N, C-alpha and C. Protein backbone atom coordinates (compact mmCIF):
# COMPACT_ATOMS: atom_id res chain seq x y z
N MET A 1 -72.31 41.75 69.48
CA MET A 1 -73.19 42.95 69.74
C MET A 1 -72.47 44.03 70.46
N ALA A 2 -71.47 43.63 71.35
CA ALA A 2 -70.78 44.71 71.98
C ALA A 2 -69.80 45.45 71.02
N ASP A 3 -69.32 44.79 70.04
CA ASP A 3 -68.53 45.55 68.94
C ASP A 3 -69.35 46.50 68.19
N SER A 4 -70.63 46.09 67.87
CA SER A 4 -71.51 47.01 67.10
C SER A 4 -71.91 48.26 67.93
N VAL A 5 -71.99 48.10 69.22
CA VAL A 5 -72.44 49.18 70.15
C VAL A 5 -71.16 50.05 70.25
N GLN A 6 -69.95 49.54 70.33
CA GLN A 6 -68.69 50.37 70.32
C GLN A 6 -68.61 51.12 69.02
N VAL A 7 -68.72 50.52 67.93
CA VAL A 7 -68.66 51.17 66.64
C VAL A 7 -69.72 52.34 66.55
N SER A 8 -70.95 51.99 66.93
CA SER A 8 -71.98 52.99 66.94
C SER A 8 -71.63 54.23 67.83
N SER A 9 -71.11 53.87 68.97
CA SER A 9 -70.68 54.95 70.00
C SER A 9 -69.61 55.82 69.36
N GLU A 10 -68.63 55.20 68.67
CA GLU A 10 -67.57 55.95 68.09
C GLU A 10 -68.04 56.78 66.98
N ARG A 11 -69.01 56.22 66.13
CA ARG A 11 -69.61 56.98 65.01
C ARG A 11 -70.42 58.12 65.50
N LEU A 12 -71.21 57.83 66.59
CA LEU A 12 -72.05 59.01 67.14
C LEU A 12 -71.13 60.11 67.76
N THR A 13 -70.09 59.77 68.37
CA THR A 13 -69.17 60.69 68.99
C THR A 13 -68.57 61.56 67.89
N SER A 14 -68.21 60.89 66.78
CA SER A 14 -67.64 61.58 65.65
C SER A 14 -68.66 62.55 65.05
N LEU A 15 -69.79 62.12 64.88
CA LEU A 15 -70.93 63.02 64.29
C LEU A 15 -71.12 64.27 65.30
N VAL A 16 -71.18 63.90 66.61
CA VAL A 16 -71.46 65.05 67.48
C VAL A 16 -70.36 66.04 67.51
N GLU A 17 -69.12 65.51 67.44
CA GLU A 17 -67.95 66.45 67.38
C GLU A 17 -67.94 67.30 66.15
N ARG A 18 -68.30 66.69 65.02
CA ARG A 18 -68.36 67.44 63.76
C ARG A 18 -69.49 68.55 63.87
N ILE A 19 -70.55 68.20 64.46
CA ILE A 19 -71.74 69.21 64.56
C ILE A 19 -71.15 70.40 65.40
N GLU A 20 -70.49 69.91 66.58
CA GLU A 20 -69.99 71.08 67.45
C GLU A 20 -69.04 71.88 66.71
N ASN A 21 -68.05 71.36 65.95
CA ASN A 21 -67.11 72.08 65.21
C ASN A 21 -67.84 73.06 64.20
N LEU A 22 -68.82 72.55 63.54
CA LEU A 22 -69.54 73.39 62.53
C LEU A 22 -70.40 74.49 63.22
N GLU A 23 -70.89 74.25 64.38
CA GLU A 23 -71.59 75.34 65.14
C GLU A 23 -70.63 76.36 65.60
N GLU A 24 -69.34 76.04 65.93
CA GLU A 24 -68.46 77.02 66.26
C GLU A 24 -68.00 77.79 65.07
N GLN A 25 -67.90 77.19 63.89
CA GLN A 25 -67.49 77.84 62.68
C GLN A 25 -68.72 78.86 62.36
N ARG A 26 -69.93 78.35 62.46
CA ARG A 26 -71.11 79.24 62.17
C ARG A 26 -71.06 80.48 63.14
N SER A 27 -70.78 80.30 64.52
CA SER A 27 -70.68 81.44 65.43
C SER A 27 -69.61 82.36 64.94
N ALA A 28 -68.46 81.89 64.52
CA ALA A 28 -67.46 82.75 64.07
C ALA A 28 -67.84 83.59 62.83
N ILE A 29 -68.52 82.82 61.91
CA ILE A 29 -68.91 83.47 60.64
C ILE A 29 -70.03 84.54 60.95
N ASN A 30 -70.93 84.21 61.88
CA ASN A 30 -71.97 85.26 62.27
C ASN A 30 -71.32 86.51 62.87
N ALA A 31 -70.28 86.28 63.74
CA ALA A 31 -69.56 87.36 64.25
C ALA A 31 -68.93 88.23 63.17
N ASP A 32 -68.39 87.57 62.19
CA ASP A 32 -67.77 88.19 61.07
C ASP A 32 -68.75 89.03 60.30
N ILE A 33 -69.97 88.50 60.09
CA ILE A 33 -71.02 89.17 59.33
C ILE A 33 -71.46 90.49 60.12
N ARG A 34 -71.68 90.25 61.53
CA ARG A 34 -72.06 91.42 62.37
C ARG A 34 -70.85 92.51 62.19
N GLU A 35 -69.63 92.13 62.13
CA GLU A 35 -68.54 93.13 61.98
C GLU A 35 -68.60 93.85 60.70
N VAL A 36 -68.98 93.19 59.66
CA VAL A 36 -69.02 93.73 58.25
C VAL A 36 -70.28 94.67 58.30
N LEU A 37 -71.35 94.31 58.83
CA LEU A 37 -72.54 95.14 58.98
C LEU A 37 -72.36 96.36 59.71
N ALA A 38 -71.52 96.24 60.91
CA ALA A 38 -71.07 97.42 61.65
C ALA A 38 -70.25 98.33 60.78
N GLU A 39 -69.42 97.82 59.95
CA GLU A 39 -68.57 98.67 59.15
C GLU A 39 -69.34 99.36 58.08
N ALA A 40 -70.41 98.64 57.60
CA ALA A 40 -71.37 99.27 56.57
C ALA A 40 -72.18 100.38 57.23
N LYS A 41 -72.52 100.16 58.46
CA LYS A 41 -73.31 101.18 59.27
C LYS A 41 -72.45 102.34 59.45
N SER A 42 -71.16 102.17 59.91
CA SER A 42 -70.30 103.31 60.11
C SER A 42 -69.98 104.06 58.94
N ALA A 43 -70.13 103.39 57.69
CA ALA A 43 -69.95 104.11 56.46
C ALA A 43 -71.18 104.79 55.94
N GLY A 44 -72.24 104.76 56.82
CA GLY A 44 -73.47 105.39 56.39
C GLY A 44 -74.56 104.62 55.72
N PHE A 45 -74.33 103.37 55.55
CA PHE A 45 -75.27 102.48 54.83
C PHE A 45 -76.25 101.97 55.85
N ASP A 46 -77.62 101.86 55.33
CA ASP A 46 -78.64 101.29 56.09
C ASP A 46 -78.43 99.73 56.11
N THR A 47 -78.24 99.16 57.21
CA THR A 47 -77.85 97.72 57.21
C THR A 47 -79.13 96.83 56.95
N ARG A 48 -80.33 97.38 57.15
CA ARG A 48 -81.54 96.56 56.76
C ARG A 48 -81.57 96.42 55.31
N ILE A 49 -81.16 97.48 54.59
CA ILE A 49 -81.18 97.42 53.08
C ILE A 49 -80.12 96.66 52.61
N VAL A 50 -78.85 96.71 53.30
CA VAL A 50 -77.81 95.76 52.85
C VAL A 50 -78.22 94.39 53.01
N ARG A 51 -78.89 94.05 54.08
CA ARG A 51 -79.30 92.61 54.24
C ARG A 51 -80.24 92.15 53.24
N GLN A 52 -81.19 93.16 52.91
CA GLN A 52 -82.19 92.83 51.90
C GLN A 52 -81.44 92.58 50.48
N ILE A 53 -80.49 93.46 50.17
CA ILE A 53 -79.73 93.29 48.88
C ILE A 53 -79.08 91.95 48.92
N VAL A 54 -78.46 91.55 50.00
CA VAL A 54 -77.94 90.17 50.04
C VAL A 54 -78.99 89.11 49.79
N ARG A 55 -80.06 89.17 50.44
CA ARG A 55 -81.13 88.18 50.14
C ARG A 55 -81.56 88.21 48.73
N LEU A 56 -81.73 89.41 48.12
CA LEU A 56 -82.18 89.46 46.73
C LEU A 56 -81.10 88.91 45.78
N ARG A 57 -79.86 89.03 46.10
CA ARG A 57 -78.79 88.58 45.22
C ARG A 57 -78.78 86.93 45.23
N LYS A 58 -79.18 86.47 46.39
CA LYS A 58 -79.23 85.03 46.52
C LYS A 58 -80.28 84.39 45.58
N MET A 59 -81.36 85.15 45.40
CA MET A 59 -82.47 84.62 44.64
C MET A 59 -82.19 84.46 43.15
N GLU A 60 -82.92 83.58 42.44
CA GLU A 60 -82.78 83.29 41.09
C GLU A 60 -83.46 84.60 40.44
N PRO A 61 -82.99 85.03 39.27
CA PRO A 61 -83.61 86.19 38.57
C PRO A 61 -85.07 86.18 38.42
N TYR A 62 -85.61 84.97 37.99
CA TYR A 62 -86.97 84.85 37.78
C TYR A 62 -87.76 85.08 39.06
N ASP A 63 -87.32 84.45 40.20
CA ASP A 63 -88.01 84.53 41.46
C ASP A 63 -87.98 85.98 41.97
N ARG A 64 -86.80 86.65 41.72
CA ARG A 64 -86.70 88.05 42.14
C ARG A 64 -87.65 88.95 41.46
N GLU A 65 -87.83 88.74 40.07
CA GLU A 65 -88.71 89.53 39.22
C GLU A 65 -90.13 89.31 39.65
N GLU A 66 -90.44 88.04 39.97
CA GLU A 66 -91.75 87.66 40.34
C GLU A 66 -92.17 88.38 41.66
N GLN A 67 -91.27 88.42 42.54
CA GLN A 67 -91.46 89.00 43.87
C GLN A 67 -91.65 90.49 43.75
N GLU A 68 -90.73 91.13 42.83
CA GLU A 68 -90.87 92.54 42.64
C GLU A 68 -92.15 92.97 42.03
N HIS A 69 -92.68 92.06 41.08
CA HIS A 69 -93.93 92.31 40.38
C HIS A 69 -95.05 92.28 41.36
N LEU A 70 -95.13 91.21 42.19
CA LEU A 70 -96.21 91.08 43.19
C LEU A 70 -96.10 92.18 44.19
N LEU A 71 -95.01 92.61 44.63
CA LEU A 71 -94.94 93.75 45.60
C LEU A 71 -95.51 95.00 44.88
N GLU A 72 -95.27 95.25 43.62
CA GLU A 72 -95.79 96.36 42.94
C GLU A 72 -97.28 96.20 42.86
N VAL A 73 -97.83 95.04 42.48
CA VAL A 73 -99.27 94.85 42.51
C VAL A 73 -99.88 95.09 43.83
N TYR A 74 -99.29 94.59 44.90
CA TYR A 74 -99.89 94.84 46.23
C TYR A 74 -99.79 96.25 46.56
N ARG A 75 -98.65 96.94 46.26
CA ARG A 75 -98.58 98.39 46.52
C ARG A 75 -99.69 99.20 45.84
N ASN A 76 -99.92 98.91 44.59
CA ASN A 76 -100.99 99.46 43.92
C ASN A 76 -102.33 99.30 44.55
N ALA A 77 -102.50 98.06 44.96
CA ALA A 77 -103.84 97.68 45.60
C ALA A 77 -104.11 98.41 46.81
N VAL A 78 -103.11 98.79 47.61
CA VAL A 78 -103.33 99.45 48.91
C VAL A 78 -103.00 100.96 48.77
N GLY A 79 -102.65 101.39 47.56
CA GLY A 79 -102.39 102.85 47.34
C GLY A 79 -101.15 103.32 47.97
N VAL A 80 -100.10 102.52 47.91
CA VAL A 80 -98.76 102.94 48.39
C VAL A 80 -97.88 103.21 47.23
């Protein structure tokens, strides 16, 4: 039983260290994204729109078209 506890402890430590490493990488990537957005802003682009374009590009074409259609229906319904 002591061996299985040791193995589990080593495995758990390994998993925790991997998660910590990934969180560090995520922090670095988020900093890089903020830097690019700052560059876009200094070039005169609206960063909210840039973020929205990124979200739209991630979507499947059908889902994007459906969202755009619903947005148009809702706009018409409220007179916008």
